[in-house]
Amino acid sequence: SVTGICEVLHADEDLLGYLCDRFAVALQYAGTERPVDEPQL
């Protein structure tokens, strides 16, 4: 079980797919996490 943060400022389509395939992904709004799926991301 691991936890991390990853910058997505320069993320291309391949990276976004990679992240969502392998991790549970959450966006951050003012310090609050909001889980998202690949289309939402």
ModelCIF file with pLDDT and N, C-alpha, C, O atoms, coordinates in Angstrom:
data_MODEL
#
_entry.id   MODEL 
#
_entity.id                         1 
_entity.type                       polymer 
_entity.pdbx_number_of_molecules   1 
#
_entity_poly.entity_id                      1 
_entity_poly.type                           'polypeptide(L)' 
_entity_poly.nstd_linkage                   no 
_entity_poly.nstd_monomer                   no 
_entity_poly.pdbx_seq_one_letter_code       SVTGICEVLHADEDLLGYLCDRFAVALQYAGTERPVDEPQL 
_entity_poly.pdbx_seq_one_letter_code_can   SVTGICEVLHADEDLLGYLCDRFAVALQYAGTERPVDEPQL 
_entity_poly.pdbx_strand_id                 A 
#
loop_
_entity_poly_seq.entity_id 
_entity_poly_seq.num 
_entity_poly_seq.mon_id 
_entity_poly_seq.hetero 
1 1  SER n 
1 2  VAL n 
1 3  THR n 
1 4  GLY n 
1 5  ILE n 
1 6  CYS n 
1 7  GLU n 
1 8  VAL n 
1 9  LEU n 
1 10 HIS n 
1 11 ALA n 
1 12 ASP n 
1 13 GLU n 
1 14 ASP n 
1 15 LEU n 
1 16 LEU n 
1 17 GLY n 
1 18 TYR n 
1 19 LEU n 
1 20 CYS n 
1 21 ASP n 
1 22 ARG n 
1 23 PHE n 
1 24 ALA n 
1 25 VAL n 
1 26 ALA n 
1 27 LEU n 
1 28 GLN n 
1 29 TYR n 
1 30 ALA n 
1 31 GLY n 
1 32 THR n 
1 33 GLU n 
1 34 ARG n 
1 35 PRO n 
1 36 VAL n 
1 37 ASP n 
1 38 GLU n 
1 39 PRO n 
1 40 GLN n 
1 41 LEU n 
#
_struct_asym.id          A 
_struct_asym.entity_id   1 
#
loop_
_ma_qa_metric.id 
_ma_qa_metric.mode 
_ma_qa_metric.name 
_ma_qa_metric.software_group_id 
_ma_qa_metric.type 
1 global pLDDT . pLDDT 
2 local  pLDDT . pLDDT 
#
_ma_qa_metric_global.metric_id      1 
_ma_qa_metric_global.metric_value   96.12 
_ma_qa_metric_global.model_id       1 
_ma_qa_metric_global.ordinal_id     1 
#
loop_
_ma_qa_metric_local.label_asym_id 
_ma_qa_metric_local.label_comp_id 
_ma_qa_metric_local.label_seq_id 
_ma_qa_metric_local.metric_id 
_ma_qa_metric_local.metric_value 
_ma_qa_metric_local.model_id 
_ma_qa_metric_local.ordinal_id 
A SER 1  2 93.00 1 1  
A VAL 2  2 97.00 1 2  
A THR 3  2 98.00 1 3  
A GLY 4  2 98.00 1 4  
A ILE 5  2 98.00 1 5  
A CYS 6  2 98.00 1 6  
A GLU 7  2 97.00 1 7  
A VAL 8  2 97.00 1 8  
A LEU 9  2 93.00 1 9  
A HIS 10 2 91.00 1 10 
A ALA 11 2 95.00 1 11 
A ASP 12 2 95.00 1 12 
A GLU 13 2 96.00 1 13 
A ASP 14 2 97.00 1 14 
A LEU 15 2 97.00 1 15 
A LEU 16 2 98.00 1 16 
A GLY 17 2 98.00 1 17 
A TYR 18 2 98.00 1 18 
A LEU 19 2 98.00 1 19 
A CYS 20 2 98.00 1 20 
A ASP 21 2 97.00 1 21 
A ARG 22 2 97.00 1 22 
A PHE 23 2 98.00 1 23 
A ALA 24 2 98.00 1 24 
A VAL 25 2 98.00 1 25 
A ALA 26 2 98.00 1 26 
A LEU 27 2 98.00 1 27 
A GLN 28 2 96.00 1 28 
A TYR 29 2 93.00 1 29 
A ALA 30 2 85.00 1 30 
A GLY 31 2 83.00 1 31 
A THR 32 2 93.00 1 32 
A GLU 33 2 96.00 1 33 
A ARG 34 2 97.00 1 34 
A PRO 35 2 98.00 1 35 
A VAL 36 2 98.00 1 36 
A ASP 37 2 97.00 1 37 
A GLU 38 2 97.00 1 38 
A PRO 39 2 98.00 1 39 
A GLN 40 2 98.00 1 40 
A LEU 41 2 98.00 1 41 
#
loop_
_atom_site.group_PDB 
_atom_site.id 
_atom_site.type_symbol 
_atom_site.label_atom_id 
_atom_site.label_alt_id 
_atom_site.label_comp_id 
_atom_site.label_asym_id 
_atom_site.label_entity_id 
_atom_site.label_seq_id 
_atom_site.pdbx_PDB_ins_code 
_atom_site.Cartn_x 
_atom_site.Cartn_y 
_atom_site.Cartn_z 
_atom_site.occupancy 
_atom_site.B_iso_or_equiv 
_atom_site.pdbx_formal_charge 
_atom_site.auth_seq_id 
_atom_site.auth_comp_id 
_atom_site.auth_asym_id 
_atom_site.auth_atom_id 
_atom_site.pdbx_PDB_model_num 
ATOM 1   N N  . SER A 1 1  ? 0.850   -1.184 0.000   1.00 93.00 ? 1  SER A N  1 
ATOM 2   C CA . SER A 1 1  ? 0.000   0.000  0.000   1.00 93.00 ? 1  SER A CA 1 
ATOM 3   C C  . SER A 1 1  ? 0.890   1.239  0.000   1.00 93.00 ? 1  SER A C  1 
ATOM 4   O O  . SER A 1 1  ? 1.708   1.421  0.902   1.00 93.00 ? 1  SER A O  1 
ATOM 5   N N  . VAL A 1 2  ? 0.729   2.097  -1.019  1.00 97.00 ? 2  VAL A N  1 
ATOM 6   C CA . VAL A 1 2  ? 1.582   3.285  -1.138  1.00 97.00 ? 2  VAL A CA 1 
ATOM 7   C C  . VAL A 1 2  ? 0.701   4.510  -1.377  1.00 97.00 ? 2  VAL A C  1 
ATOM 8   O O  . VAL A 1 2  ? -0.445  4.409  -1.816  1.00 97.00 ? 2  VAL A O  1 
ATOM 9   N N  . THR A 1 3  ? 1.280   5.667  -1.071  1.00 98.00 ? 3  THR A N  1 
ATOM 10  C CA . THR A 1 3  ? 0.599   6.945  -1.276  1.00 98.00 ? 3  THR A CA 1 
ATOM 11  C C  . THR A 1 3  ? 1.601   7.915  -1.879  1.00 98.00 ? 3  THR A C  1 
ATOM 12  O O  . THR A 1 3  ? 2.779   7.895  -1.522  1.00 98.00 ? 3  THR A O  1 
ATOM 13  N N  . GLY A 1 4  ? 1.140   8.765  -2.792  1.00 98.00 ? 4  GLY A N  1 
ATOM 14  C CA . GLY A 1 4  ? 2.057   9.728  -3.382  1.00 98.00 ? 4  GLY A CA 1 
ATOM 15  C C  . GLY A 1 4  ? 1.328   10.910 -3.980  1.00 98.00 ? 4  GLY A C  1 
ATOM 16  O O  . GLY A 1 4  ? 0.101   10.927 -4.070  1.00 98.00 ? 4  GLY A O  1 
ATOM 17  N N  . ILE A 1 5  ? 2.108   11.904 -4.389  1.00 98.00 ? 5  ILE A N  1 
ATOM 18  C CA . ILE A 1 5  ? 1.570   13.011 -5.172  1.00 98.00 ? 5  ILE A CA 1 
ATOM 19  C C  . ILE A 1 5  ? 2.381   13.101 -6.458  1.00 98.00 ? 5  ILE A C  1 
ATOM 20  O O  . ILE A 1 5  ? 3.591   12.875 -6.468  1.00 98.00 ? 5  ILE A O  1 
ATOM 21  N N  . CYS A 1 6  ? 1.689   13.437 -7.536  1.00 98.00 ? 6  CYS A N  1 
ATOM 22  C CA . CYS A 1 6  ? 2.315   13.483 -8.850  1.00 98.00 ? 6  CYS A CA 1 
ATOM 23  C C  . CYS A 1 6  ? 1.827   14.723 -9.576  1.00 98.00 ? 6  CYS A C  1 
ATOM 24  O O  . CYS A 1 6  ? 0.622   14.962 -9.659  1.00 98.00 ? 6  CYS A O  1 
ATOM 25  N N  . GLU A 1 7  ? 2.748   15.510 -10.099 1.00 97.00 ? 7  GLU A N  1 
ATOM 26  C CA . GLU A 1 7  ? 2.351   16.697 -10.844 1.00 97.00 ? 7  GLU A CA 1 
ATOM 27  C C  . GLU A 1 7  ? 1.724   16.290 -12.171 1.00 97.00 ? 7  GLU A C  1 
ATOM 28  O O  . GLU A 1 7  ? 2.213   15.391 -12.854 1.00 97.00 ? 7  GLU A O  1 
ATOM 29  N N  . VAL A 1 8  ? 0.640   16.964 -12.524 1.00 97.00 ? 8  VAL A N  1 
ATOM 30  C CA . VAL A 1 8  ? -0.044  16.681 -13.792 1.00 97.00 ? 8  VAL A CA 1 
ATOM 31  C C  . VAL A 1 8  ? -0.126  17.933 -14.672 1.00 97.00 ? 8  VAL A C  1 
ATOM 32  O O  . VAL A 1 8  ? -0.898  17.976 -15.630 1.00 97.00 ? 8  VAL A O  1 
ATOM 33  N N  . LEU A 1 9  ? 0.668   18.940 -14.340 1.00 93.00 ? 9  LEU A N  1 
ATOM 34  C CA . LEU A 1 9  ? 0.657   20.173 -15.128 1.00 93.00 ? 9  LEU A CA 1 
ATOM 35  C C  . LEU A 1 9  ? 0.974   19.894 -16.590 1.00 93.00 ? 9  LEU A C  1 
ATOM 36  O O  . LEU A 1 9  ? 0.373   20.491 -17.483 1.00 93.00 ? 9  LEU A O  1 
ATOM 37  N N  . HIS A 1 10 ? 1.933   18.974 -16.843 1.00 91.00 ? 10 HIS A N  1 
ATOM 38  C CA . HIS A 1 10 ? 2.361   18.659 -18.203 1.00 91.00 ? 10 HIS A CA 1 
ATOM 39  C C  . HIS A 1 10 ? 1.865   17.289 -18.657 1.00 91.00 ? 10 HIS A C  1 
ATOM 40  O O  . HIS A 1 10 ? 2.368   16.748 -19.642 1.00 91.00 ? 10 HIS A O  1 
ATOM 41  N N  . ALA A 1 11 ? 0.897   16.729 -17.963 1.00 95.00 ? 11 ALA A N  1 
ATOM 42  C CA . ALA A 1 11 ? 0.473   15.349 -18.243 1.00 95.00 ? 11 ALA A CA 1 
ATOM 43  C C  . ALA A 1 11 ? -0.156  15.224 -19.624 1.00 95.00 ? 11 ALA A C  1 
ATOM 44  O O  . ALA A 1 11 ? -1.008  16.023 -20.013 1.00 95.00 ? 11 ALA A O  1 
ATOM 45  N N  . ASP A 1 12 ? 0.285   14.198 -20.359 1.00 95.00 ? 12 ASP A N  1 
ATOM 46  C CA . ASP A 1 12 ? -0.342  13.886 -21.638 1.00 95.00 ? 12 ASP A CA 1 
ATOM 47  C C  . ASP A 1 12 ? -1.378  12.778 -21.431 1.00 95.00 ? 12 ASP A C  1 
ATOM 48  O O  . ASP A 1 12 ? -1.579  12.300 -20.315 1.00 95.00 ? 12 ASP A O  1 
ATOM 49  N N  . GLU A 1 13 ? -2.029  12.380 -22.525 1.00 96.00 ? 13 GLU A N  1 
ATOM 50  C CA . GLU A 1 13 ? -3.086  11.379 -22.430 1.00 96.00 ? 13 GLU A CA 1 
ATOM 51  C C  . GLU A 1 13 ? -2.560  10.048 -21.891 1.00 96.00 ? 13 GLU A C  1 
ATOM 52  O O  . GLU A 1 13 ? -3.242  9.370  -21.123 1.00 96.00 ? 13 GLU A O  1 
ATOM 53  N N  . ASP A 1 14 ? -1.356  9.685  -22.295 1.00 97.00 ? 14 ASP A N  1 
ATOM 54  C CA . ASP A 1 14 ? -0.786  8.415  -21.833 1.00 97.00 ? 14 ASP A CA 1 
ATOM 55  C C  . ASP A 1 14 ? -0.586  8.412  -20.323 1.00 97.00 ? 14 ASP A C  1 
ATOM 56  O O  . ASP A 1 14 ? -0.896  7.423  -19.659 1.00 97.00 ? 14 ASP A O  1 
ATOM 57  N N  . LEU A 1 15 ? -0.074  9.506  -19.778 1.00 97.00 ? 15 LEU A N  1 
ATOM 58  C CA . LEU A 1 15 ? 0.147   9.555  -18.327 1.00 97.00 ? 15 LEU A CA 1 
ATOM 59  C C  . LEU A 1 15 ? -1.175  9.494  -17.568 1.00 97.00 ? 15 LEU A C  1 
ATOM 60  O O  . LEU A 1 15 ? -1.280  8.786  -16.566 1.00 97.00 ? 15 LEU A O  1 
ATOM 61  N N  . LEU A 1 16 ? -2.173  10.221 -18.031 1.00 98.00 ? 16 LEU A N  1 
ATOM 62  C CA . LEU A 1 16 ? -3.451  10.212 -17.323 1.00 98.00 ? 16 LEU A CA 1 
ATOM 63  C C  . LEU A 1 16 ? -4.052  8.807  -17.311 1.00 98.00 ? 16 LEU A C  1 
ATOM 64  O O  . LEU A 1 16 ? -4.589  8.367  -16.295 1.00 98.00 ? 16 LEU A O  1 
ATOM 65  N N  . GLY A 1 17 ? -3.962  8.105  -18.442 1.00 98.00 ? 17 GLY A N  1 
ATOM 66  C CA . GLY A 1 17 ? -4.446  6.730  -18.491 1.00 98.00 ? 17 GLY A CA 1 
ATOM 67  C C  . GLY A 1 17 ? -3.648  5.820  -17.578 1.00 98.00 ? 17 GLY A C  1 
ATOM 68  O O  . GLY A 1 17 ? -4.208  4.961  -16.898 1.00 98.00 ? 17 GLY A O  1 
ATOM 69  N N  . TYR A 1 18 ? -2.333  6.013  -17.565 1.00 98.00 ? 18 TYR A N  1 
ATOM 70  C CA . TYR A 1 18 ? -1.456  5.215  -16.711 1.00 98.00 ? 18 TYR A CA 1 
ATOM 71  C C  . TYR A 1 18 ? -1.820  5.394  -15.242 1.00 98.00 ? 18 TYR A C  1 
ATOM 72  O O  . TYR A 1 18 ? -1.931  4.414  -14.504 1.00 98.00 ? 18 TYR A O  1 
ATOM 73  N N  . LEU A 1 19 ? -2.006  6.633  -14.817 1.00 98.00 ? 19 LEU A N  1 
ATOM 74  C CA . LEU A 1 19 ? -2.320  6.902  -13.417 1.00 98.00 ? 19 LEU A CA 1 
ATOM 75  C C  . LEU A 1 19 ? -3.634  6.247  -13.009 1.00 98.00 ? 19 LEU A C  1 
ATOM 76  O O  . LEU A 1 19 ? -3.725  5.620  -11.954 1.00 98.00 ? 19 LEU A O  1 
ATOM 77  N N  . CYS A 1 20 ? -4.637  6.397  -13.845 1.00 98.00 ? 20 CYS A N  1 
ATOM 78  C CA . CYS A 1 20 ? -5.957  5.875  -13.491 1.00 98.00 ? 20 CYS A CA 1 
ATOM 79  C C  . CYS A 1 20 ? -6.023  4.357  -13.569 1.00 98.00 ? 20 CYS A C  1 
ATOM 80  O O  . CYS A 1 20 ? -6.828  3.743  -12.869 1.00 98.00 ? 20 CYS A O  1 
ATOM 81  N N  . ASP A 1 21 ? -5.202  3.744  -14.397 1.00 97.00 ? 21 ASP A N  1 
ATOM 82  C CA . ASP A 1 21 ? -5.155  2.280  -14.473 1.00 97.00 ? 21 ASP A CA 1 
ATOM 83  C C  . ASP A 1 21 ? -4.521  1.661  -13.234 1.00 97.00 ? 21 ASP A C  1 
ATOM 84  O O  . ASP A 1 21 ? -4.887  0.555  -12.834 1.00 97.00 ? 21 ASP A O  1 
ATOM 85  N N  . ARG A 1 22 ? -3.574  2.369  -12.625 1.00 97.00 ? 22 ARG A N  1 
ATOM 86  C CA . ARG A 1 22 ? -2.749  1.767  -11.574 1.00 97.00 ? 22 ARG A CA 1 
ATOM 87  C C  . ARG A 1 22 ? -3.003  2.299  -10.173 1.00 97.00 ? 22 ARG A C  1 
ATOM 88  O O  . ARG A 1 22 ? -2.592  1.675  -9.194  1.00 97.00 ? 22 ARG A O  1 
ATOM 89  N N  . PHE A 1 23 ? -3.667  3.435  -10.058 1.00 98.00 ? 23 PHE A N  1 
ATOM 90  C CA . PHE A 1 23 ? -3.883  4.050  -8.752  1.00 98.00 ? 23 PHE A CA 1 
ATOM 91  C C  . PHE A 1 23 ? -5.322  4.544  -8.625  1.00 98.00 ? 23 PHE A C  1 
ATOM 92  O O  . PHE A 1 23 ? -6.026  4.737  -9.616  1.00 98.00 ? 23 PHE A O  1 
ATOM 93  N N  . ALA A 1 24 ? -5.729  4.739  -7.388  1.00 98.00 ? 24 ALA A N  1 
ATOM 94  C CA . ALA A 1 24 ? -6.906  5.547  -7.117  1.00 98.00 ? 24 ALA A CA 1 
ATOM 95  C C  . ALA A 1 24 ? -6.434  6.997  -7.104  1.00 98.00 ? 24 ALA A C  1 
ATOM 96  O O  . ALA A 1 24 ? -5.538  7.352  -6.338  1.00 98.00 ? 24 ALA A O  1 
ATOM 97  N N  . VAL A 1 25 ? -7.030  7.832  -7.947  1.00 98.00 ? 25 VAL A N  1 
ATOM 98  C CA . VAL A 1 25 ? -6.551  9.194  -8.177  1.00 98.00 ? 25 VAL A CA 1 
ATOM 99  C C  . VAL A 1 25 ? -7.523  10.191 -7.568  1.00 98.00 ? 25 VAL A C  1 
ATOM 100 O O  . VAL A 1 25 ? -8.740  10.039 -7.681  1.00 98.00 ? 25 VAL A O  1 
ATOM 101 N N  . ALA A 1 26 ? -6.969  11.222 -6.914  1.00 98.00 ? 26 ALA A N  1 
ATOM 102 C CA . ALA A 1 26 ? -7.809  12.286 -6.362  1.00 98.00 ? 26 ALA A CA 1 
ATOM 103 C C  . ALA A 1 26 ? -7.224  13.639 -6.734  1.00 98.00 ? 26 ALA A C  1 
ATOM 104 O O  . ALA A 1 26 ? -6.023  13.869 -6.592  1.00 98.00 ? 26 ALA A O  1 
ATOM 105 N N  . LEU A 1 27 ? -8.080  14.526 -7.211  1.00 98.00 ? 27 LEU A N  1 
ATOM 106 C CA . LEU A 1 27 ? -7.701  15.917 -7.406  1.00 98.00 ? 27 LEU A CA 1 
ATOM 107 C C  . LEU A 1 27 ? -7.669  16.618 -6.063  1.00 98.00 ? 27 LEU A C  1 
ATOM 108 O O  . LEU A 1 27 ? -8.240  16.142 -5.083  1.00 98.00 ? 27 LEU A O  1 
ATOM 109 N N  . GLN A 1 28 ? -6.985  17.770 -6.030  1.00 96.00 ? 28 GLN A N  1 
ATOM 110 C CA . GLN A 1 28 ? -6.903  18.543 -4.793  1.00 96.00 ? 28 GLN A CA 1 
ATOM 111 C C  . GLN A 1 28 ? -7.477  19.942 -5.023  1.00 96.00 ? 28 GLN A C  1 
ATOM 112 O O  . GLN A 1 28 ? -7.019  20.691 -5.885  1.00 96.00 ? 28 GLN A O  1 
ATOM 113 N N  . TYR A 1 29 ? -8.488  20.265 -4.226  1.00 93.00 ? 29 TYR A N  1 
ATOM 114 C CA . TYR A 1 29 ? -9.076  21.596 -4.242  1.00 93.00 ? 29 TYR A CA 1 
ATOM 115 C C  . TYR A 1 29 ? -8.880  22.218 -2.861  1.00 93.00 ? 29 TYR A C  1 
ATOM 116 O O  . TYR A 1 29 ? -9.526  21.821 -1.891  1.00 93.00 ? 29 TYR A O  1 
ATOM 117 N N  . ALA A 1 30 ? -7.973  23.204 -2.787  1.00 85.00 ? 30 ALA A N  1 
ATOM 118 C CA . ALA A 1 30 ? -7.723  23.899 -1.521  1.00 85.00 ? 30 ALA A CA 1 
ATOM 119 C C  . ALA A 1 30 ? -7.488  22.905 -0.390  1.00 85.00 ? 30 ALA A C  1 
ATOM 120 O O  . ALA A 1 30 ? -7.994  23.083 0.718   1.00 85.00 ? 30 ALA A O  1 
ATOM 121 N N  . GLY A 1 31 ? -6.711  21.850 -0.679  1.00 83.00 ? 31 GLY A N  1 
ATOM 122 C CA . GLY A 1 31 ? -6.340  20.882 0.351   1.00 83.00 ? 31 GLY A CA 1 
ATOM 123 C C  . GLY A 1 31 ? -7.335  19.767 0.562   1.00 83.00 ? 31 GLY A C  1 
ATOM 124 O O  . GLY A 1 31 ? -7.098  18.886 1.389   1.00 83.00 ? 31 GLY A O  1 
ATOM 125 N N  . THR A 1 32 ? -8.441  19.774 -0.159  1.00 93.00 ? 32 THR A N  1 
ATOM 126 C CA . THR A 1 32 ? -9.443  18.716 -0.041  1.00 93.00 ? 32 THR A CA 1 
ATOM 127 C C  . THR A 1 32 ? -9.347  17.777 -1.232  1.00 93.00 ? 32 THR A C  1 
ATOM 128 O O  . THR A 1 32 ? -9.305  18.229 -2.377  1.00 93.00 ? 32 THR A O  1 
ATOM 129 N N  . GLU A 1 33 ? -9.311  16.482 -0.977  1.00 96.00 ? 33 GLU A N  1 
ATOM 130 C CA . GLU A 1 33 ? -9.207  15.496 -2.047  1.00 96.00 ? 33 GLU A CA 1 
ATOM 131 C C  . GLU A 1 33 ? -10.577 15.173 -2.637  1.00 96.00 ? 33 GLU A C  1 
ATOM 132 O O  . GLU A 1 33 ? -11.558 15.007 -1.912  1.00 96.00 ? 33 GLU A O  1 
ATOM 133 N N  . ARG A 1 34 ? -10.624 15.088 -3.968  1.00 97.00 ? 34 ARG A N  1 
ATOM 134 C CA . ARG A 1 34 ? -11.842 14.683 -4.669  1.00 97.00 ? 34 ARG A CA 1 
ATOM 135 C C  . ARG A 1 34 ? -11.496 13.544 -5.625  1.00 97.00 ? 34 ARG A C  1 
ATOM 136 O O  . ARG A 1 34 ? -10.879 13.774 -6.665  1.00 97.00 ? 34 ARG A O  1 
ATOM 137 N N  . PRO A 1 35 ? -11.889 12.314 -5.277  1.00 98.00 ? 35 PRO A N  1 
ATOM 138 C CA . PRO A 1 35 ? -11.593 11.172 -6.152  1.00 98.00 ? 35 PRO A CA 1 
ATOM 139 C C  . PRO A 1 35 ? -12.206 11.367 -7.533  1.00 98.00 ? 35 PRO A C  1 
ATOM 140 O O  . PRO A 1 35 ? -13.312 11.888 -7.671  1.00 98.00 ? 35 PRO A O  1 
ATOM 141 N N  . VAL A 1 36 ? -11.459 10.935 -8.559  1.00 98.00 ? 36 VAL A N  1 
ATOM 142 C CA . VAL A 1 36 ? -11.940 11.068 -9.936  1.00 98.00 ? 36 VAL A CA 1 
ATOM 143 C C  . VAL A 1 36 ? -11.609 9.802  -10.713 1.00 98.00 ? 36 VAL A C  1 
ATOM 144 O O  . VAL A 1 36 ? -10.662 9.083  -10.396 1.00 98.00 ? 36 VAL A O  1 
ATOM 145 N N  . ASP A 1 37 ? -12.423 9.548  -11.751 1.00 97.00 ? 37 ASP A N  1 
ATOM 146 C CA . ASP A 1 37 ? -12.083 8.501  -12.700 1.00 97.00 ? 37 ASP A CA 1 
ATOM 147 C C  . ASP A 1 37 ? -11.358 9.156  -13.879 1.00 97.00 ? 37 ASP A C  1 
ATOM 148 O O  . ASP A 1 37 ? -11.136 10.367 -13.880 1.00 97.00 ? 37 ASP A O  1 
ATOM 149 N N  . GLU A 1 38 ? -10.991 8.353  -14.879 1.00 97.00 ? 38 GLU A N  1 
ATOM 150 C CA . GLU A 1 38 ? -10.187 8.893  -15.970 1.00 97.00 ? 38 GLU A CA 1 
ATOM 151 C C  . GLU A 1 38 ? -10.903 9.988  -16.767 1.00 97.00 ? 38 GLU A C  1 
ATOM 152 O O  . GLU A 1 38 ? -10.292 11.026 -17.021 1.00 97.00 ? 38 GLU A O  1 
ATOM 153 N N  . PRO A 1 39 ? -12.167 9.812  -17.176 1.00 98.00 ? 39 PRO A N  1 
ATOM 154 C CA . PRO A 1 39 ? -12.829 10.899 -17.914 1.00 98.00 ? 39 PRO A CA 1 
ATOM 155 C C  . PRO A 1 39 ? -12.927 12.191 -17.100 1.00 98.00 ? 39 PRO A C  1 
ATOM 156 O O  . PRO A 1 39 ? -12.739 13.281 -17.640 1.00 98.00 ? 39 PRO A O  1 
ATOM 157 N N  . GLN A 1 40 ? -13.218 12.071 -15.811 1.00 98.00 ? 40 GLN A N  1 
ATOM 158 C CA . GLN A 1 40 ? -13.307 13.263 -14.966 1.00 98.00 ? 40 GLN A CA 1 
ATOM 159 C C  . GLN A 1 40 ? -11.955 13.956 -14.852 1.00 98.00 ? 40 GLN A C  1 
ATOM 160 O O  . GLN A 1 40 ? -11.877 15.184 -14.875 1.00 98.00 ? 40 GLN A O  1 
ATOM 161 N N  . LEU A 1 41 ? -10.895 13.170 -14.729 1.00 98.00 ? 41 LEU A N  1 
ATOM 162 C CA . LEU A 1 41 ? -9.563  13.738 -14.634 1.00 98.00 ? 41 LEU A CA 1 
ATOM 163 C C  . LEU A 1 41 ? -9.203  14.482 -15.919 1.00 98.00 ? 41 LEU A C  1 
ATOM 164 O O  . LEU A 1 41 ? -8.108  15.033 -16.027 1.00 98.00 ? 41 LEU A O  1 
#
